[in-house]
Amino acid sequence: MPNARIRAVNAATESESLAPRTIINWNPTDNTGSVLFDCARFYRTQGTFDYFGAPEPDGGISVSLDDLLVRSVDVPTLGGPVNVPLPLLMGAIKVLFDQLYNEQRGG
C-alpha cells in the first residue's frame, strides 16, 4: 500500500509530509482532549533521507482522544512489530510526567 505522505516531485526528488509540531491537549482529570499534528512538507533526494530546502506548510490533522483511545498501532522494532494499545501510551505519558516533575521540581 503506498504511503500518501510521500509523493514523487520529479525523477530525482520526492516530498514527505511530517509533523514537526505535535500538540497534545489533554485534561488528565477526565481524559478528554485532542491531538493536533501540524504538518509540513519536506523535500529530499528520491529514495534517501537527504532533506533539502525549507519545508512548506501542509495543513493539520486533529483527532480527539476518544477516537485515539480505541486504537492500537504496530510500532516497528528490531525484533519485529509490537502492537501498542493507545491507552498504554497514555499511561506511559502520565508516568513520564510524574518522573520528570519529581526530577526537575522535587525537593
N, C-alpha and C. Protein backbone atom coordinates (compact mmCIF):
# COMPACT_ATOMS: atom_id res chain seq x y z
N MET A 1 0.84 -1.18 0.00
CA MET A 1 0.00 0.00 0.00
C MET A 1 0.89 1.24 0.00
N PRO A 2 0.69 2.15 -0.94
CA PRO A 2 1.52 3.35 -0.99
C PRO A 2 1.26 4.26 0.22
N ASN A 3 2.29 5.03 0.58
CA ASN A 3 2.19 5.95 1.70
C ASN A 3 1.80 7.33 1.15
N ALA A 4 0.62 7.84 1.51
CA ALA A 4 0.11 9.11 1.00
C ALA A 4 0.97 10.29 1.43
N ARG A 5 1.79 10.13 2.47
CA ARG A 5 2.64 11.22 2.94
C ARG A 5 3.81 11.48 2.00
N ILE A 6 4.16 10.49 1.16
CA ILE A 6 5.34 10.60 0.29
C ILE A 6 4.87 10.70 -1.16
N ARG A 7 5.37 11.74 -1.85
CA ARG A 7 4.97 11.98 -3.24
C ARG A 7 6.21 12.23 -4.10
N ALA A 8 6.18 11.69 -5.31
CA ALA A 8 7.25 11.99 -6.27
C ALA A 8 7.03 13.40 -6.80
N VAL A 9 8.10 14.20 -6.83
CA VAL A 9 8.05 15.54 -7.40
C VAL A 9 8.55 15.47 -8.84
N ASN A 10 9.67 14.78 -9.02
CA ASN A 10 10.23 14.50 -10.35
C ASN A 10 11.12 13.27 -10.20
N ALA A 11 11.90 12.93 -11.20
CA ALA A 11 12.70 11.70 -11.16
C ALA A 11 13.74 11.71 -10.05
N ALA A 12 14.18 12.89 -9.59
CA ALA A 12 15.24 12.97 -8.59
C ALA A 12 14.77 13.40 -7.21
N THR A 13 13.54 13.89 -7.11
CA THR A 13 13.08 14.50 -5.86
C THR A 13 11.73 13.95 -5.45
N GLU A 14 11.58 13.78 -4.14
CA GLU A 14 10.27 13.44 -3.59
C GLU A 14 10.01 14.33 -2.38
N SER A 15 8.74 14.43 -2.00
CA SER A 15 8.39 15.20 -0.81
C SER A 15 7.75 14.26 0.20
N GLU A 16 7.91 14.63 1.46
CA GLU A 16 7.35 13.82 2.54
C GLU A 16 6.70 14.76 3.55
N SER A 17 5.45 14.47 3.89
CA SER A 17 4.77 15.25 4.91
C SER A 17 5.08 14.66 6.27
N LEU A 18 5.58 15.52 7.17
CA LEU A 18 5.91 15.14 8.53
C LEU A 18 5.18 16.06 9.49
N ALA A 19 5.16 15.73 10.76
CA ALA A 19 4.51 16.57 11.77
C ALA A 19 5.58 17.08 12.73
N PRO A 20 6.29 18.17 12.35
CA PRO A 20 7.35 18.68 13.20
C PRO A 20 6.83 19.29 14.51
N ARG A 21 5.54 19.56 14.55
CA ARG A 21 4.94 20.07 15.78
C ARG A 21 3.68 19.26 16.05
N THR A 22 3.65 18.57 17.17
CA THR A 22 2.50 17.79 17.59
C THR A 22 2.05 18.33 18.93
N ILE A 23 0.80 18.72 19.02
CA ILE A 23 0.27 19.34 20.23
C ILE A 23 -0.76 18.40 20.86
N ILE A 24 -0.53 18.06 22.12
CA ILE A 24 -1.49 17.23 22.87
C ILE A 24 -2.24 18.14 23.82
N ASN A 25 -3.53 18.27 23.63
CA ASN A 25 -4.40 18.99 24.56
C ASN A 25 -5.14 17.94 25.37
N TRP A 26 -4.83 17.85 26.65
CA TRP A 26 -5.30 16.72 27.44
C TRP A 26 -5.72 17.19 28.82
N ASN A 27 -6.95 16.91 29.19
CA ASN A 27 -7.41 17.15 30.54
C ASN A 27 -7.24 15.84 31.29
N PRO A 28 -6.21 15.73 32.12
CA PRO A 28 -5.93 14.45 32.79
C PRO A 28 -6.95 14.07 33.85
N THR A 29 -7.83 14.99 34.23
CA THR A 29 -8.83 14.64 35.25
C THR A 29 -9.98 13.84 34.66
N ASP A 30 -10.23 13.99 33.35
CA ASP A 30 -11.31 13.20 32.75
C ASP A 30 -10.89 12.56 31.41
N ASN A 31 -9.61 12.69 31.06
CA ASN A 31 -9.04 12.09 29.83
C ASN A 31 -9.72 12.56 28.55
N THR A 32 -10.20 13.81 28.54
CA THR A 32 -10.72 14.37 27.30
C THR A 32 -9.63 15.23 26.66
N GLY A 33 -9.79 15.49 25.38
CA GLY A 33 -8.83 16.35 24.71
C GLY A 33 -8.66 15.96 23.26
N SER A 34 -7.57 16.44 22.67
CA SER A 34 -7.31 16.17 21.26
C SER A 34 -5.81 16.21 21.00
N VAL A 35 -5.43 15.67 19.86
CA VAL A 35 -4.05 15.73 19.38
C VAL A 35 -4.08 16.42 18.03
N LEU A 36 -3.21 17.43 17.87
CA LEU A 36 -3.09 18.14 16.60
C LEU A 36 -1.71 17.86 16.02
N PHE A 37 -1.69 17.29 14.83
CA PHE A 37 -0.44 17.10 14.09
C PHE A 37 -0.34 18.26 13.10
N ASP A 38 0.57 19.20 13.34
CA ASP A 38 0.79 20.34 12.47
C ASP A 38 1.79 19.90 11.40
N CYS A 39 1.31 19.71 10.18
CA CYS A 39 2.10 19.07 9.13
C CYS A 39 2.89 20.07 8.29
N ALA A 40 4.02 19.61 7.79
CA ALA A 40 4.84 20.37 6.85
C ALA A 40 5.40 19.39 5.82
N ARG A 41 5.54 19.86 4.59
CA ARG A 41 6.07 19.04 3.51
C ARG A 41 7.55 19.34 3.34
N PHE A 42 8.37 18.29 3.50
CA PHE A 42 9.82 18.38 3.37
C PHE A 42 10.23 17.74 2.05
N TYR A 43 11.32 18.24 1.47
CA TYR A 43 11.80 17.73 0.18
C TYR A 43 13.12 17.00 0.39
N ARG A 44 13.29 15.91 -0.37
CA ARG A 44 14.51 15.11 -0.25
C ARG A 44 14.85 14.47 -1.58
N THR A 45 16.07 14.00 -1.66
CA THR A 45 16.50 13.26 -2.84
C THR A 45 15.76 11.93 -2.85
N GLN A 46 15.23 11.57 -4.00
CA GLN A 46 14.42 10.36 -4.16
C GLN A 46 15.08 9.14 -3.52
N GLY A 47 14.35 8.43 -2.66
CA GLY A 47 14.83 7.18 -2.07
C GLY A 47 15.85 7.35 -0.96
N THR A 48 16.09 8.57 -0.48
CA THR A 48 17.07 8.80 0.58
C THR A 48 16.40 9.59 1.71
N PHE A 49 17.18 9.90 2.72
CA PHE A 49 16.73 10.79 3.78
C PHE A 49 17.58 12.06 3.77
N ASP A 50 18.04 12.45 2.58
CA ASP A 50 18.82 13.67 2.39
C ASP A 50 17.85 14.81 2.09
N TYR A 51 17.38 15.49 3.14
CA TYR A 51 16.42 16.57 3.00
C TYR A 51 17.12 17.86 2.62
N PHE A 52 16.41 18.71 1.90
CA PHE A 52 16.98 19.99 1.50
C PHE A 52 15.86 21.03 1.40
N GLY A 53 16.26 22.29 1.43
CA GLY A 53 15.30 23.38 1.28
C GLY A 53 14.43 23.57 2.51
N ALA A 54 13.60 24.57 2.45
CA ALA A 54 12.70 24.89 3.55
C ALA A 54 11.41 24.09 3.43
N PRO A 55 10.90 23.59 4.55
CA PRO A 55 9.62 22.88 4.49
C PRO A 55 8.48 23.85 4.16
N GLU A 56 7.41 23.30 3.60
CA GLU A 56 6.22 24.09 3.28
C GLU A 56 5.05 23.62 4.15
N PRO A 57 4.20 24.52 4.60
CA PRO A 57 3.04 24.12 5.40
C PRO A 57 2.19 23.10 4.64
N ASP A 58 1.66 22.12 5.36
CA ASP A 58 0.83 21.08 4.74
C ASP A 58 -0.42 20.81 5.58
N GLY A 59 -0.94 21.86 6.21
CA GLY A 59 -2.18 21.71 6.96
C GLY A 59 -1.98 20.97 8.27
N GLY A 60 -3.08 20.52 8.82
CA GLY A 60 -3.01 19.82 10.09
C GLY A 60 -4.02 18.70 10.15
N ILE A 61 -3.79 17.80 11.08
CA ILE A 61 -4.71 16.69 11.34
C ILE A 61 -5.03 16.73 12.82
N SER A 62 -6.31 16.81 13.14
CA SER A 62 -6.74 16.84 14.54
C SER A 62 -7.62 15.64 14.82
N VAL A 63 -7.40 15.02 15.97
CA VAL A 63 -8.19 13.85 16.35
C VAL A 63 -8.46 13.92 17.85
N SER A 64 -9.64 13.51 18.27
CA SER A 64 -9.99 13.54 19.69
C SER A 64 -9.34 12.36 20.41
N LEU A 65 -9.09 12.54 21.69
CA LEU A 65 -8.55 11.43 22.49
C LEU A 65 -9.52 10.27 22.52
N ASP A 66 -10.82 10.55 22.53
CA ASP A 66 -11.82 9.46 22.50
C ASP A 66 -11.61 8.57 21.27
N ASP A 67 -11.34 9.20 20.12
CA ASP A 67 -11.12 8.42 18.90
C ASP A 67 -9.80 7.66 18.94
N LEU A 68 -8.79 8.23 19.61
CA LEU A 68 -7.49 7.56 19.68
C LEU A 68 -7.48 6.40 20.65
N LEU A 69 -8.21 6.52 21.75
CA LEU A 69 -8.11 5.51 22.81
C LEU A 69 -8.69 4.15 22.42
N VAL A 70 -9.41 4.06 21.33
CA VAL A 70 -9.92 2.77 20.87
C VAL A 70 -8.98 2.13 19.85
N ARG A 71 -7.87 2.80 19.57
CA ARG A 71 -6.94 2.32 18.54
C ARG A 71 -5.71 1.66 19.17
N SER A 72 -5.00 0.95 18.32
CA SER A 72 -3.67 0.45 18.66
C SER A 72 -2.82 0.63 17.41
N VAL A 73 -1.50 0.66 17.60
CA VAL A 73 -0.59 0.83 16.46
C VAL A 73 0.51 -0.22 16.53
N ASP A 74 0.98 -0.64 15.37
CA ASP A 74 2.12 -1.55 15.29
C ASP A 74 3.38 -0.70 15.19
N VAL A 75 4.21 -0.77 16.23
CA VAL A 75 5.45 0.01 16.28
C VAL A 75 6.60 -0.88 15.81
N PRO A 76 7.33 -0.47 14.75
CA PRO A 76 8.44 -1.30 14.28
C PRO A 76 9.58 -1.31 15.29
N THR A 77 10.12 -2.49 15.55
CA THR A 77 11.30 -2.65 16.40
C THR A 77 12.26 -3.61 15.70
N LEU A 78 13.46 -3.73 16.23
CA LEU A 78 14.43 -4.66 15.64
C LEU A 78 13.93 -6.10 15.70
N GLY A 79 13.11 -6.42 16.70
CA GLY A 79 12.56 -7.77 16.84
C GLY A 79 11.26 -7.98 16.09
N GLY A 80 10.85 -6.98 15.32
CA GLY A 80 9.58 -7.06 14.61
C GLY A 80 8.57 -6.10 15.22
N PRO A 81 7.41 -5.96 14.59
CA PRO A 81 6.43 -5.01 15.08
C PRO A 81 5.86 -5.42 16.44
N VAL A 82 5.62 -4.41 17.27
CA VAL A 82 5.00 -4.61 18.58
C VAL A 82 3.70 -3.81 18.58
N ASN A 83 2.60 -4.48 18.90
CA ASN A 83 1.31 -3.82 18.93
C ASN A 83 1.15 -3.07 20.24
N VAL A 84 0.89 -1.76 20.16
CA VAL A 84 0.77 -0.91 21.34
C VAL A 84 -0.64 -0.32 21.37
N PRO A 85 -1.45 -0.71 22.36
CA PRO A 85 -2.76 -0.07 22.52
C PRO A 85 -2.55 1.37 22.99
N LEU A 86 -3.32 2.32 22.44
CA LEU A 86 -3.13 3.72 22.79
C LEU A 86 -3.36 4.02 24.27
N PRO A 87 -4.25 3.31 25.00
CA PRO A 87 -4.32 3.55 26.44
C PRO A 87 -2.99 3.27 27.15
N LEU A 88 -2.19 2.33 26.64
CA LEU A 88 -0.87 2.06 27.21
C LEU A 88 0.05 3.25 27.01
N LEU A 89 -0.01 3.88 25.84
CA LEU A 89 0.79 5.07 25.57
C LEU A 89 0.36 6.21 26.50
N MET A 90 -0.94 6.38 26.72
CA MET A 90 -1.42 7.41 27.63
C MET A 90 -0.88 7.17 29.03
N GLY A 91 -0.89 5.92 29.48
CA GLY A 91 -0.34 5.59 30.79
C GLY A 91 1.15 5.89 30.87
N ALA A 92 1.88 5.60 29.79
CA ALA A 92 3.32 5.87 29.77
C ALA A 92 3.59 7.37 29.86
N ILE A 93 2.79 8.18 29.18
CA ILE A 93 2.97 9.64 29.24
C ILE A 93 2.70 10.14 30.66
N LYS A 94 1.67 9.60 31.32
CA LYS A 94 1.37 10.01 32.70
C LYS A 94 2.53 9.66 33.64
N VAL A 95 3.09 8.47 33.50
CA VAL A 95 4.22 8.07 34.35
C VAL A 95 5.45 8.92 34.04
N LEU A 96 5.69 9.19 32.77
CA LEU A 96 6.82 10.03 32.39
C LEU A 96 6.69 11.43 33.00
N PHE A 97 5.50 12.01 32.94
CA PHE A 97 5.28 13.32 33.56
C PHE A 97 5.60 13.26 35.05
N ASP A 98 5.10 12.24 35.73
CA ASP A 98 5.35 12.10 37.17
C ASP A 98 6.85 12.04 37.46
N GLN A 99 7.57 11.22 36.69
CA GLN A 99 9.02 11.09 36.90
C GLN A 99 9.75 12.41 36.64
N LEU A 100 9.45 13.06 35.52
CA LEU A 100 10.13 14.30 35.17
C LEU A 100 9.79 15.42 36.15
N TYR A 101 8.56 15.50 36.58
CA TYR A 101 8.17 16.53 37.55
C TYR A 101 8.96 16.37 38.82
N ASN A 102 9.05 15.14 39.32
CA ASN A 102 9.78 14.89 40.55
C ASN A 102 11.28 15.12 40.39
N GLU A 103 11.84 14.76 39.22
CA GLU A 103 13.27 15.00 38.96
C GLU A 103 13.58 16.50 38.90
N GLN A 104 12.73 17.26 38.23
CA GLN A 104 13.05 18.66 37.98
C GLN A 104 12.52 19.62 39.04
N ARG A 105 11.48 19.21 39.77
CA ARG A 105 10.89 20.13 40.74
C ARG A 105 10.81 19.56 42.15
N GLY A 106 11.25 18.31 42.28
CA GLY A 106 11.20 17.69 43.60
C GLY A 106 12.23 18.32 44.54
N GLY A 107 12.00 18.16 45.80
CA GLY A 107 12.88 18.77 46.80
C GLY A 107 14.05 17.94 47.05
